Protein backbone atom coordinates (compact mmCIF):
# COMPACT_ATOMS: atom_id res chain seq x y z
CA MET A 1 2.57 7.77 1.17
CA ASN A 2 0.55 4.29 0.24
CA LYS A 3 1.66 0.90 1.18
CA GLN A 4 3.24 0.73 -1.88
CA ASN A 5 6.24 1.69 0.30
CA GLY A 6 5.65 0.67 3.33
CA ALA A 7 3.62 3.07 4.91
CA ASN A 8 -0.46 1.55 6.87
CA LEU A 9 -2.10 4.90 5.60
CA GLY A 10 -4.99 3.53 9.04
CA PHE A 11 -1.78 4.03 11.49
CA GLU A 12 1.03 6.40 9.88
CA ASN A 13 -1.92 8.99 9.06
CA LYS A 14 -3.68 8.25 11.87
CA LEU A 15 -0.66 9.56 14.06
CA TRP A 16 0.31 12.22 11.56
CA GLU A 17 -3.03 14.54 11.35
CA MET A 18 -3.27 14.22 15.42
CA ALA A 19 0.73 15.38 16.05
CA ASP A 20 -0.56 17.91 12.95
CA LYS A 21 -3.11 19.23 14.49
CA LEU A 22 -0.65 20.22 17.94
CA ARG A 23 1.90 21.58 15.85
CA GLY A 24 -0.32 24.92 15.79
CA HIS A 25 1.43 27.79 14.16
CA MET A 26 4.97 26.01 13.97
CA ASP A 27 7.11 25.42 10.87
CA ALA A 28 7.34 22.38 10.25
CA ALA A 29 10.81 22.94 9.61
CA GLU A 30 11.03 24.57 13.08
CA TYR A 31 8.40 20.77 14.28
CA LYS A 32 10.29 18.27 13.14
CA HIS A 33 12.62 18.33 15.15
CA VAL A 34 10.05 18.81 18.04
CA VAL A 35 8.46 15.56 16.75
CA LEU A 36 11.27 13.78 15.43
CA GLY A 37 13.48 13.86 19.05
CA LEU A 38 10.10 12.58 20.67
CA ILE A 39 9.58 9.64 18.91
CA PHE A 40 14.16 8.96 18.80
CA LEU A 41 14.33 9.60 22.63
CA LYS A 42 10.58 6.97 23.10
CA TYR A 43 12.77 4.60 20.74
CA ILE A 44 14.95 4.49 23.39
CA SER A 45 13.67 3.35 26.72
CA ASP A 46 11.59 1.22 24.95
CA ALA A 47 14.22 -0.77 23.39
CA PHE A 48 16.13 -0.47 26.98
CA GLU A 49 13.60 -1.72 28.68
CA GLU A 50 12.80 -5.01 26.54
CA ARG A 51 16.13 -5.35 27.13
CA ARG A 52 15.82 -5.12 31.15
CA LYS A 53 12.85 -7.12 31.27
CA TRP A 54 14.75 -10.07 29.07
CA LEU A 55 16.96 -9.40 31.47
CA MET A 56 14.80 -8.93 34.75
CA SER A 57 13.53 -12.98 33.32
CA GLN A 58 16.97 -14.16 33.04
CA VAL A 59 18.86 -12.91 36.64
CA THR A 60 15.37 -15.17 37.81
CA ASP A 61 15.65 -18.45 35.92
CA PRO A 62 17.08 -20.60 37.64
CA ASP A 63 18.15 -22.32 34.88
CA SER A 64 19.86 -19.21 33.31
CA GLU A 65 23.53 -18.64 32.88
CA TYR A 66 22.14 -14.94 34.33
CA TYR A 67 20.82 -16.49 37.94
CA VAL A 68 21.37 -15.14 40.68
CA ASP A 69 18.99 -15.07 44.61
CA ASP A 70 20.50 -11.91 45.84
CA PRO A 71 17.48 -8.96 44.84
CA LYS A 72 20.24 -6.64 45.51
CA GLN A 73 23.23 -8.75 42.77
CA ARG A 74 19.63 -9.00 40.67
CA GLN A 75 19.09 -5.19 40.90
CA ALA A 76 23.15 -4.39 39.95
CA ILE A 77 22.50 -6.49 36.67
CA LEU A 78 19.77 -4.18 35.28
CA GLU A 79 20.90 -1.42 35.92
CA ASP A 80 24.96 -2.82 34.97
CA ARG A 81 25.64 0.02 31.37
CA ASP A 82 27.95 -3.27 30.33
CA GLU A 83 24.52 -5.11 29.89
CA TYR A 84 22.80 -3.05 27.57
CA LEU A 85 26.09 -1.67 25.60
CA ALA A 86 26.53 -4.94 24.76
CA ALA A 87 23.69 -5.90 22.51
CA ASN A 88 23.66 -2.39 20.60
CA ILE A 89 21.33 -0.69 23.45
CA PHE A 90 21.92 3.03 23.69
CA TRP A 91 21.60 3.66 28.06
CA VAL A 92 19.53 5.39 29.39
CA PRO A 93 19.71 6.63 32.75
CA PRO A 94 16.52 7.01 35.22
CA GLU A 95 15.32 10.10 35.36
CA THR A 96 15.25 9.91 31.20
CA ARG A 97 13.20 7.28 30.41
CA TRP A 98 10.02 7.98 28.98
CA GLU A 99 8.36 6.58 31.83
CA SER A 100 9.08 9.39 33.74
CA ILE A 101 8.50 11.93 31.01
CA GLN A 102 5.23 10.84 30.30
CA ALA A 103 4.39 11.34 34.22
CA GLN A 104 5.15 14.94 33.77
CA ALA A 105 4.02 16.44 30.15
CA PRO A 106 0.94 17.73 31.82
CA GLN A 107 2.95 19.95 33.80
CA PRO A 108 4.32 23.71 32.12
CA THR A 109 7.88 22.48 33.31
CA ILE A 110 7.38 19.40 30.84
CA GLY A 111 10.33 21.15 28.43
CA ARG A 112 13.24 21.59 31.06
CA VAL A 113 12.32 18.08 31.53
CA ILE A 114 12.72 16.87 27.84
CA ASP A 115 15.91 19.23 27.84
CA GLU A 116 17.42 18.06 30.99
CA ALA A 117 16.83 14.25 29.72
CA MET A 118 17.97 14.68 26.03
CA ALA A 119 21.45 16.11 27.73
CA ALA A 120 21.49 13.36 30.15
CA ILE A 121 21.56 10.56 27.30
CA GLU A 122 23.95 12.73 25.36
CA ARG A 123 26.52 13.18 28.32
CA GLU A 124 25.13 9.21 28.82
CA ASN A 125 26.69 7.41 25.47
CA PRO A 126 28.99 9.57 23.57
CA GLY A 127 27.94 8.83 20.24
CA LEU A 128 25.09 10.67 20.41
CA LYS A 129 26.71 13.70 21.37
CA GLY A 130 25.64 17.22 19.70
CA VAL A 131 22.79 14.68 18.45
CA LEU A 132 20.02 15.81 19.98
CA PRO A 133 17.84 18.35 20.25
CA LYS A 134 17.83 20.23 23.50
CA ASP A 135 14.92 23.73 23.16
CA TYR A 136 11.57 21.87 23.80
CA SER A 137 12.37 24.70 26.86
CA ARG A 138 12.17 27.56 24.69
CA PRO A 139 9.13 30.09 25.46
CA THR A 140 7.80 30.10 21.39
CA LEU A 141 6.75 25.74 22.28
CA ASP A 142 3.77 26.10 23.87
CA LYS A 143 3.43 23.53 27.27
CA THR A 144 -0.12 22.01 27.03
CA ARG A 145 0.53 21.09 23.25
CA LEU A 146 4.21 19.45 23.80
CA GLY A 147 2.06 17.99 27.42
CA GLU A 148 -0.34 16.52 24.38
CA LEU A 149 2.68 15.39 21.95
CA VAL A 150 4.93 13.47 24.33
CA LYS A 151 0.95 11.69 25.38
CA LEU A 152 0.62 10.74 21.30
CA VAL A 153 3.63 9.58 21.62
CA GLY A 154 3.45 7.68 24.18
CA ASP A 155 0.65 5.66 22.69
CA ILE A 156 2.51 4.69 19.80
CA ASP A 157 2.70 1.46 20.77
CA LEU A 158 -1.06 1.05 21.77
CA LYS A 159 -2.11 2.40 18.79
CA ALA A 160 0.60 -0.48 16.58
CA ARG A 161 -1.09 -3.00 18.27
CA GLU A 162 -4.48 -2.32 17.46
CA SER A 163 -3.35 -1.97 13.24
CA GLY A 164 -0.72 -4.94 14.01
CA VAL A 165 2.19 -2.90 13.15
CA LYS A 166 5.75 -4.19 13.48
CA ASP A 167 8.82 -1.38 14.59
CA PRO A 168 6.42 1.02 15.15
CA LEU A 169 8.54 3.70 15.76
CA GLY A 170 11.07 2.76 12.51
CA ARG A 171 7.96 3.86 10.46
CA VAL A 172 6.40 6.74 11.99
CA TYR A 173 9.41 7.90 12.14
CA GLU A 174 9.75 7.23 8.35
CA TYR A 175 6.60 8.60 7.90
CA PHE A 176 6.88 11.38 9.00
CA LEU A 177 10.37 12.42 7.87
CA GLY A 178 8.17 12.32 4.62
CA ARG A 179 5.39 14.60 5.27
CA PHE A 180 7.47 16.98 6.80
CA ALA A 181 9.73 16.62 3.05
CA ALA A 182 5.91 17.26 1.41
CA ALA A 183 5.26 20.16 4.06
CA GLU A 184 8.38 21.83 3.91
CA GLY A 185 7.99 22.27 -0.46
CA LYS A 186 11.51 23.32 -1.95
CA GLY A 187 13.14 23.54 1.58
CA GLY A 188 12.42 19.75 2.91
CA GLY A 189 14.14 17.99 0.06
CA GLU A 190 16.86 17.90 1.56
CA PHE A 191 16.62 15.97 3.87
CA TYR A 192 14.76 13.55 2.05
CA THR A 193 14.55 11.41 -1.31
CA PRO A 194 11.34 9.72 -1.86
CA GLN A 195 11.39 6.29 -0.92
CA CYS A 196 9.84 4.89 -4.44
CA VAL A 197 13.31 6.58 -5.75
CA VAL A 198 15.49 4.97 -2.48
CA GLN A 199 13.72 1.70 -3.02
CA LEU A 200 14.94 1.99 -7.02
CA LEU A 201 17.88 2.55 -7.16
CA VAL A 202 18.40 -0.57 -3.86
CA GLU A 203 16.78 -3.30 -6.04
CA MET A 204 18.66 -1.66 -8.76
CA ILE A 205 22.67 -2.69 -7.48
CA GLU A 206 21.80 -4.88 -5.15
CA PRO A 207 23.78 -4.22 -1.87
CA TYR A 208 24.35 -7.67 -0.27
CA LYS A 209 27.42 -7.47 1.37
CA GLY A 210 30.30 -5.23 1.96
CA ARG A 211 30.51 -1.10 1.90
CA VAL A 212 28.44 1.40 1.09
CA TYR A 213 28.39 4.57 0.70
CA ASP A 214 26.96 8.20 0.01
CA PRO A 215 28.50 11.09 0.09
CA CYS A 216 25.84 12.95 0.80
CA CYS A 217 23.18 10.95 2.79
CA GLY A 218 20.13 13.62 4.09
CA SER A 219 19.04 11.57 6.72
CA GLY A 220 20.00 8.70 5.84
CA GLY A 221 17.24 6.57 3.89
CA MET A 222 20.07 4.61 1.25
CA PHE A 223 21.36 3.22 4.69
CA VAL A 224 17.64 2.63 5.86
CA GLN A 225 16.76 0.71 2.65
CA SER A 226 20.21 -1.26 1.64
CA GLU A 227 19.89 -2.47 5.19
CA LYS A 228 15.79 -3.97 4.65
CA PHE A 229 17.01 -4.94 0.90
CA VAL A 230 19.41 -7.03 2.86
CA GLU A 231 18.00 -8.65 5.42
CA GLU A 232 14.85 -8.92 3.21
CA HIS A 233 17.41 -10.88 1.01
CA GLY A 234 18.80 -13.74 3.83
CA GLY A 235 21.39 -11.42 5.11
CA LYS A 236 21.74 -9.88 8.86
CA LEU A 237 22.53 -6.60 10.03
CA GLY A 238 26.12 -6.21 9.78
CA ASP A 239 26.93 -7.50 6.37
CA ILE A 240 27.69 -3.64 4.95
CA ALA A 241 29.50 -1.41 6.38
CA ILE A 242 27.95 1.96 5.45
CA TYR A 243 30.17 5.25 4.99
CA GLY A 244 28.44 8.60 4.92
CA GLN A 245 28.81 12.11 4.84
CA GLU A 246 25.84 15.48 5.23
CA SER A 247 26.92 18.60 4.98
CA ASN A 248 24.05 20.77 6.57
CA PRO A 249 24.38 19.84 10.67
CA THR A 250 20.89 19.83 11.66
CA THR A 251 19.96 17.03 8.85
CA TRP A 252 22.88 15.05 9.28
CA ARG A 253 21.91 14.54 13.61
CA LEU A 254 18.48 13.96 11.67
CA ALA A 255 20.06 10.86 9.72
CA LYS A 256 22.34 10.39 13.13
CA MET A 257 18.85 9.94 14.94
CA ASN A 258 17.28 8.01 11.54
CA LEU A 259 20.12 5.33 11.60
CA ALA A 260 19.97 4.84 15.63
CA ILE A 261 16.45 3.92 15.67
CA ARG A 262 17.06 1.04 13.15
CA ARG A 263 20.37 0.22 14.77
CA ILE A 264 22.27 0.62 11.99
CA ASP A 265 26.21 1.20 12.41
CA ALA A 266 27.32 3.98 10.25
CA ASP A 267 30.62 6.32 9.64
CA LEU A 268 29.09 8.74 8.64
CA GLY A 269 31.97 11.52 10.92
CA PRO A 270 32.51 13.05 13.42
CA HIS A 271 30.40 16.04 12.91
CA HIS A 272 28.90 17.42 9.33
CA ALA A 273 30.91 18.74 6.32
CA ASP A 274 30.91 19.59 2.68
CA THR A 275 31.81 16.85 0.61
CA PHE A 276 33.58 18.62 -2.27
CA HIS A 277 36.56 20.14 0.33
CA ASN A 278 36.30 18.04 3.22
CA ASP A 279 35.89 14.90 2.56
CA LEU A 280 35.65 12.55 5.59
CA HIS A 281 36.45 9.56 4.00
CA LYS A 282 39.17 10.74 1.16
CA ASP A 283 40.40 6.87 0.41
CA LEU A 284 36.98 4.34 0.74
CA LYS A 285 36.33 2.61 -2.11
CA ALA A 286 32.90 1.58 -2.59
CA ASP A 287 31.70 -1.32 -3.30
CA TYR A 288 27.92 0.44 -3.85
CA ILE A 289 27.15 4.12 -3.86
CA LEU A 290 23.66 5.45 -3.56
CA ALA A 291 23.53 9.34 -4.17
CA ASN A 292 20.45 12.01 -4.13
CA PRO A 293 23.42 15.00 -4.52
CA PRO A 294 21.47 18.68 -4.98
CA PHE A 295 20.54 19.09 -8.16
CA ASN A 296 22.34 21.94 -10.59
CA MET A 297 24.56 23.41 -7.72
CA SER A 298 25.68 26.55 -8.36
CA ASP A 299 27.33 27.96 -5.59
CA TRP A 300 29.54 24.90 -4.55
CA GLY A 301 32.75 26.44 -4.39
CA GLY A 302 34.78 25.42 -7.44
CA GLU A 303 36.92 27.62 -8.66
CA ARG A 304 39.06 26.66 -5.42
CA LEU A 305 39.29 23.14 -6.07
CA THR A 306 40.54 22.80 -9.70
CA ASP A 307 43.67 21.05 -9.31
CA ASP A 308 41.84 18.28 -6.93
CA PRO A 309 42.24 14.50 -8.08
CA ARG A 310 38.75 13.66 -8.45
CA TRP A 311 38.31 15.45 -11.83
CA LYS A 312 39.66 13.26 -14.10
CA TYR A 313 37.57 13.67 -16.83
CA GLY A 314 38.18 17.75 -16.67
CA VAL A 315 37.17 20.42 -14.37
CA PRO A 316 33.22 20.41 -13.30
CA PRO A 317 31.89 23.92 -14.14
CA VAL A 318 32.42 26.21 -11.41
CA ASN A 319 28.11 27.49 -11.48
CA ASN A 320 26.67 23.97 -11.91
CA ALA A 321 27.53 20.88 -9.65
CA ASN A 322 26.13 17.79 -11.32
CA TYR A 323 29.43 16.48 -12.79
CA ALA A 324 31.31 16.92 -9.55
CA TRP A 325 29.63 14.73 -8.06
CA ILE A 326 29.56 12.06 -10.81
CA GLN A 327 33.08 12.29 -10.28
CA HIS A 328 33.68 11.60 -6.55
CA PHE A 329 31.36 8.96 -7.06
CA ILE A 330 33.07 7.49 -9.56
CA TYR A 331 36.47 8.63 -7.63
CA HIS A 332 35.62 6.86 -4.33
CA LEU A 333 34.10 3.05 -6.48
CA ALA A 334 36.15 0.20 -6.17
CA PRO A 335 37.20 -1.63 -8.71
CA ASN A 336 33.83 -4.33 -9.05
CA GLY A 337 32.12 -1.99 -7.19
CA ILE A 338 28.65 0.27 -8.86
CA ALA A 339 27.39 3.73 -8.04
CA GLY A 340 23.24 4.20 -8.61
CA PHE A 341 22.69 8.15 -8.55
CA VAL A 342 19.61 10.71 -8.98
CA MET A 343 20.40 13.60 -11.54
CA ALA A 344 18.92 16.28 -13.18
CA ASN A 345 17.92 15.53 -17.34
CA GLY A 346 19.30 18.11 -18.00
CA SER A 347 23.46 15.95 -16.78
CA LEU A 348 21.97 13.36 -20.18
CA SER A 349 22.91 15.95 -22.96
CA THR A 350 24.42 19.09 -22.17
CA SER A 351 26.55 20.39 -24.57
CA THR A 352 28.60 22.98 -22.68
CA LYS A 353 32.09 21.96 -23.51
CA ALA A 354 32.97 21.40 -19.94
CA GLU A 355 30.16 18.99 -19.15
CA LEU A 356 30.35 17.16 -22.77
CA ALA A 357 33.79 16.29 -22.62
CA ILE A 358 33.51 15.11 -18.91
CA ARG A 359 30.69 13.08 -20.42
CA LYS A 360 32.62 11.71 -23.80
CA GLY A 361 35.32 10.97 -21.00
CA ILE A 362 33.17 8.84 -18.68
CA ILE A 363 31.13 6.94 -21.63
CA GLU A 364 34.68 6.16 -23.26
CA ASP A 365 36.19 4.22 -20.45
CA ASP A 366 32.78 2.12 -20.62
CA LEU A 367 31.84 3.04 -16.98
CA VAL A 368 28.17 3.76 -18.10
CA ASP A 369 25.73 0.68 -16.62
CA SER A 370 22.70 1.78 -17.31
CA ILE A 371 20.21 5.43 -17.57
CA VAL A 372 16.75 5.12 -16.08
CA ALA A 373 14.63 8.50 -17.19
CA LEU A 374 11.88 8.19 -13.97
CA PRO A 375 7.99 10.38 -14.08
CA GLY A 376 7.88 14.33 -13.30
CA GLN A 377 6.75 15.19 -9.87
CA LEU A 378 8.05 12.84 -7.57
CA PHE A 379 10.77 15.28 -5.29
CA TYR A 380 9.22 17.24 -2.99
CA THR A 381 12.36 19.72 -3.85
CA THR A 382 11.19 20.43 -7.83
CA GLN A 383 8.96 18.86 -10.73
CA ILE A 384 12.30 18.88 -12.99
CA PRO A 385 12.59 15.64 -14.66
CA VAL A 386 15.06 12.95 -13.23
CA SER A 387 17.43 10.27 -14.34
CA LEU A 388 18.56 7.31 -12.09
CA TRP A 389 22.74 6.73 -13.18
CA PHE A 390 24.39 3.51 -12.98
CA VAL A 391 28.18 3.56 -13.27
CA THR A 392 29.91 1.02 -12.71
CA ARG A 393 34.39 0.43 -13.71
CA ASN A 394 34.06 -3.50 -14.71
CA LYS A 395 31.11 -4.21 -17.16
CA LYS A 396 32.77 -8.45 -17.83
CA ALA A 397 31.45 -11.39 -17.38
CA ASP A 398 31.13 -12.75 -13.09
CA PRO A 399 30.25 -16.39 -13.56
CA ARG A 400 29.91 -16.15 -9.12
CA ARG A 401 27.12 -13.74 -10.05
CA GLY A 402 25.58 -14.89 -13.40
CA PHE A 403 27.23 -11.98 -15.31
CA ARG A 404 27.46 -11.85 -18.83
CA ASP A 405 29.50 -9.68 -20.89
CA ARG A 406 27.93 -6.24 -21.17
CA THR A 407 31.57 -4.29 -22.49
CA GLY A 408 31.04 -1.48 -24.43
CA GLU A 409 27.30 -2.16 -24.18
CA THR A 410 24.49 0.32 -22.06
CA LEU A 411 21.78 -0.15 -20.73
CA PHE A 412 18.78 2.78 -21.56
CA ILE A 413 14.92 2.30 -19.57
CA ASP A 414 12.72 5.15 -20.38
CA ALA A 415 10.20 5.23 -17.29
CA ARG A 416 8.33 8.30 -18.47
CA ARG A 417 5.39 7.43 -18.33
CA MET A 418 5.27 4.82 -15.04
CA GLY A 419 4.27 6.19 -11.96
CA HIS A 420 0.87 7.73 -10.37
CA LEU A 421 -0.29 10.32 -8.93
CA VAL A 422 -0.42 10.28 -5.23
CA ASP A 423 -2.54 13.72 -4.42
CA ARG A 424 -1.99 16.55 -6.88
CA VAL A 425 1.61 17.47 -7.73
CA HIS A 426 3.44 14.85 -5.82
CA ARG A 427 3.16 11.03 -8.46
CA GLU A 428 5.48 7.36 -6.80
CA LEU A 429 6.05 4.24 -8.34
CA THR A 430 4.70 1.13 -7.32
CA ARG A 431 6.11 -2.01 -5.96
CA GLU A 432 4.73 -3.51 -9.20
CA GLU A 433 7.08 -1.28 -11.18
CA ILE A 434 10.03 -0.87 -8.89
CA ARG A 435 10.53 -4.24 -9.92
CA GLN A 436 9.04 -4.36 -13.49
CA ILE A 437 12.27 -1.98 -14.19
CA ALA A 438 14.37 -3.70 -11.37
CA GLY A 439 13.90 -7.40 -12.87
CA VAL A 440 15.10 -5.97 -16.94
CA TYR A 441 17.75 -4.38 -15.94
CA HIS A 442 18.82 -7.82 -13.90
CA ALA A 443 18.33 -9.63 -17.24
CA TRP A 444 19.99 -7.44 -18.92
CA LYS A 445 23.08 -8.08 -16.64
CA LYS A 446 22.56 -12.06 -17.21
CA GLY A 447 21.48 -11.80 -19.98
CA GLU A 448 18.43 -14.78 -19.20
CA GLY A 449 15.89 -13.60 -20.83
CA TYR A 450 15.90 -10.36 -22.06
CA GLU A 451 14.86 -8.48 -25.27
CA ASP A 452 14.60 -4.83 -26.21
CA LYS A 453 10.91 -3.34 -25.91
CA PRO A 454 10.52 -0.36 -28.19
CA GLY A 455 9.30 2.37 -26.68
CA TRP A 456 10.15 1.54 -23.35
CA TRP A 457 14.20 -0.51 -22.83
CA LYS A 458 16.65 -0.57 -25.23
CA SER A 459 20.54 -2.46 -24.68
CA ALA A 460 22.58 -0.13 -27.00
CA ARG A 461 26.76 -0.51 -28.31
CA LEU A 462 29.44 2.26 -27.50
CA GLU A 463 28.65 3.41 -31.98
CA GLU A 464 25.62 3.82 -31.11
CA ILE A 465 26.08 6.68 -28.37
CA ARG A 466 28.89 8.08 -30.02
CA GLU A 467 26.05 8.36 -33.79
CA HIS A 468 24.23 10.48 -31.33
CA GLY A 469 26.95 12.80 -30.14
CA TYR A 470 27.29 11.17 -26.61
CA VAL A 471 23.79 11.96 -25.57
CA LEU A 472 22.51 9.61 -22.40
CA THR A 473 18.18 10.00 -23.16
CA PRO A 474 17.15 7.23 -23.22
CA GLY A 475 14.56 8.41 -25.54
CA ARG A 476 17.23 9.31 -27.80
CA TYR A 477 17.23 4.57 -27.87
CA VAL A 478 14.38 3.49 -27.35
CA GLY A 479 11.84 3.93 -30.34
CA ALA A 480 8.81 4.40 -30.27
CA GLU A 481 6.63 1.91 -28.89
CA GLU A 482 5.29 -0.91 -31.25
CA GLN A 483 1.41 -0.23 -32.28
CA GLU A 484 -0.47 -3.55 -32.40
CA ASP A 485 -2.25 -3.96 -36.02
CA ASP A 486 -6.03 -4.55 -35.85
CA GLY A 487 -6.20 -5.67 -39.15
CA VAL A 488 -8.61 -2.65 -40.47
CA PRO A 489 -7.19 -1.41 -43.67
CA PHE A 490 -5.94 2.58 -43.93
CA GLU A 491 -8.93 4.09 -46.21
CA GLU A 492 -11.64 2.34 -43.64
CA LYS A 493 -10.08 4.25 -40.88
CA MET A 494 -9.81 7.05 -42.35
CA ALA A 495 -13.15 7.17 -43.70
CA GLU A 496 -14.69 6.14 -40.02
CA LEU A 497 -12.71 9.59 -38.30
CA THR A 498 -14.02 11.91 -40.93
CA ALA A 499 -17.37 11.15 -40.65
CA LYS A 500 -16.76 11.20 -36.46
CA LEU A 501 -15.15 14.59 -37.61
CA TYR A 502 -17.72 15.70 -39.43
CA GLU A 503 -20.38 14.56 -36.67
CA GLN A 504 -18.67 16.70 -34.58
CA PHE A 505 -18.75 19.69 -36.82
CA MET A 506 -22.17 19.40 -36.52
CA GLU A 507 -23.31 19.00 -33.10
CA ASP A 508 -20.87 21.93 -32.79
CA ARG A 509 -23.24 23.87 -34.87
CA GLN A 510 -25.99 23.05 -33.27
CA LEU A 511 -25.14 24.00 -29.96
CA GLU A 512 -24.07 27.60 -31.23
CA ALA A 513 -27.16 27.78 -32.43
CA GLU A 514 -28.79 26.89 -29.12
CA ILE A 515 -26.39 29.33 -26.92
CA LYS A 516 -27.06 32.29 -28.99
CA LYS A 517 -30.96 31.78 -29.11
CA ASN A 518 -31.17 30.86 -25.27
CA LEU A 519 -29.23 34.08 -25.47
CA GLU A 520 -32.20 36.30 -26.93
CA VAL A 521 -34.52 35.46 -24.97
CA LEU A 522 -31.75 36.63 -22.01
CA GLY A 523 -31.57 40.17 -24.28
CA TYR A 524 -28.10 39.51 -25.29
CA GLY A 525 -29.06 38.33 -28.71
CA GLY A 526 -26.10 40.27 -31.63
């Protein structure tokens, strides 16, 4: 993780290192819920206390409409549940507030105290029912370490002030999600999409206002980034309506907590559910779809869905769900909607009969707006290269948004050479690279300053895609990067290269002779 992706290494990384020391021998997958649950508990308690302090300032201010002279009435207002719910703040009972929990951190009963606090908060806030972890009292969880972790989480605000970080708990929650995904390896990616990929998707489709949908939402990162985008561009929380679904029960709970920390109202359904077999938003037509579905799912139960109305372009193969996801996204798109999603590169060129027929139908209906080939090593779950698909139902000119008519055209971007390694196995796109890719796409959409750049991007006509057998791999279209002519004649270059080559041959022979001589001195001569 780096600053480009929204993390302050001096702050979040120090906290991570301290928390990781307290993990002991616990698996990252198990420890994740311990840590993130405590951060959530601290967050809602802090939000409650902030609102309570504001109410106190109002009831004691003679110029405020809240002002009351009677101390008992003041106390009643401070403990009035409706005063908190009206401000989108969870009601936190006195015994579950962080100050009370932290005071009991050194006690061996701290696990039971936290479990009871979580249960009480769920009772008082029906929207959190079945969401919070409630197994802190289990015997396998070291209570001394747990108490130290409570203190560490309690100190987050202090650490944040020292580092000048705003929204510390939200930032730490997001950062820790990424670190847990890295620690878990392949098992971690099911709930986490790398932040740079999410940012690129959001920057490209620009979800200003309307319905945003993710049918495989993981921990909710697409939604968090969408809300950030709206706020950064002058909008406000609530300008977009969020709909999501997640099949994994523990991941569904992570998403509910992640969105609650951000005060983002979202409809993730009343429970976890499989999108293919129990579509919780069956009638939804979304303005924006953002998704990172599981790659190459072979056990998605397609044999039970052969007559599904979502398969307009053909029945997807039962041993691979890629084209089931693609058709699901298209099915849920509004007439002017756009979908941006991640797919394994194999989906761009697969020639199996069913998948080729589906891809051909989608292309002939002129739904593919853009394809972006990404560098490898971006994901924790897999090292296979992936691409971003952008699918839209309407490529016609839109004067309101400044879009020119792109009917019959698709933009191909090859970004495989972008990104940089942040450790031995993981790569990230920089903020500048994200802006560059999104900028090319928007320039193409608007017809302002766009030009094909060999080796990098090209706008291809439908006829050209047909000629390539409906293959959507960007490398087929962008060609080779132009090399700048340095003015040196070919014959001169060749003579220089040949001379260098013979010089290296001579050095090799000298080195070989020197090695043989040293071996003879040691008694190993041949």
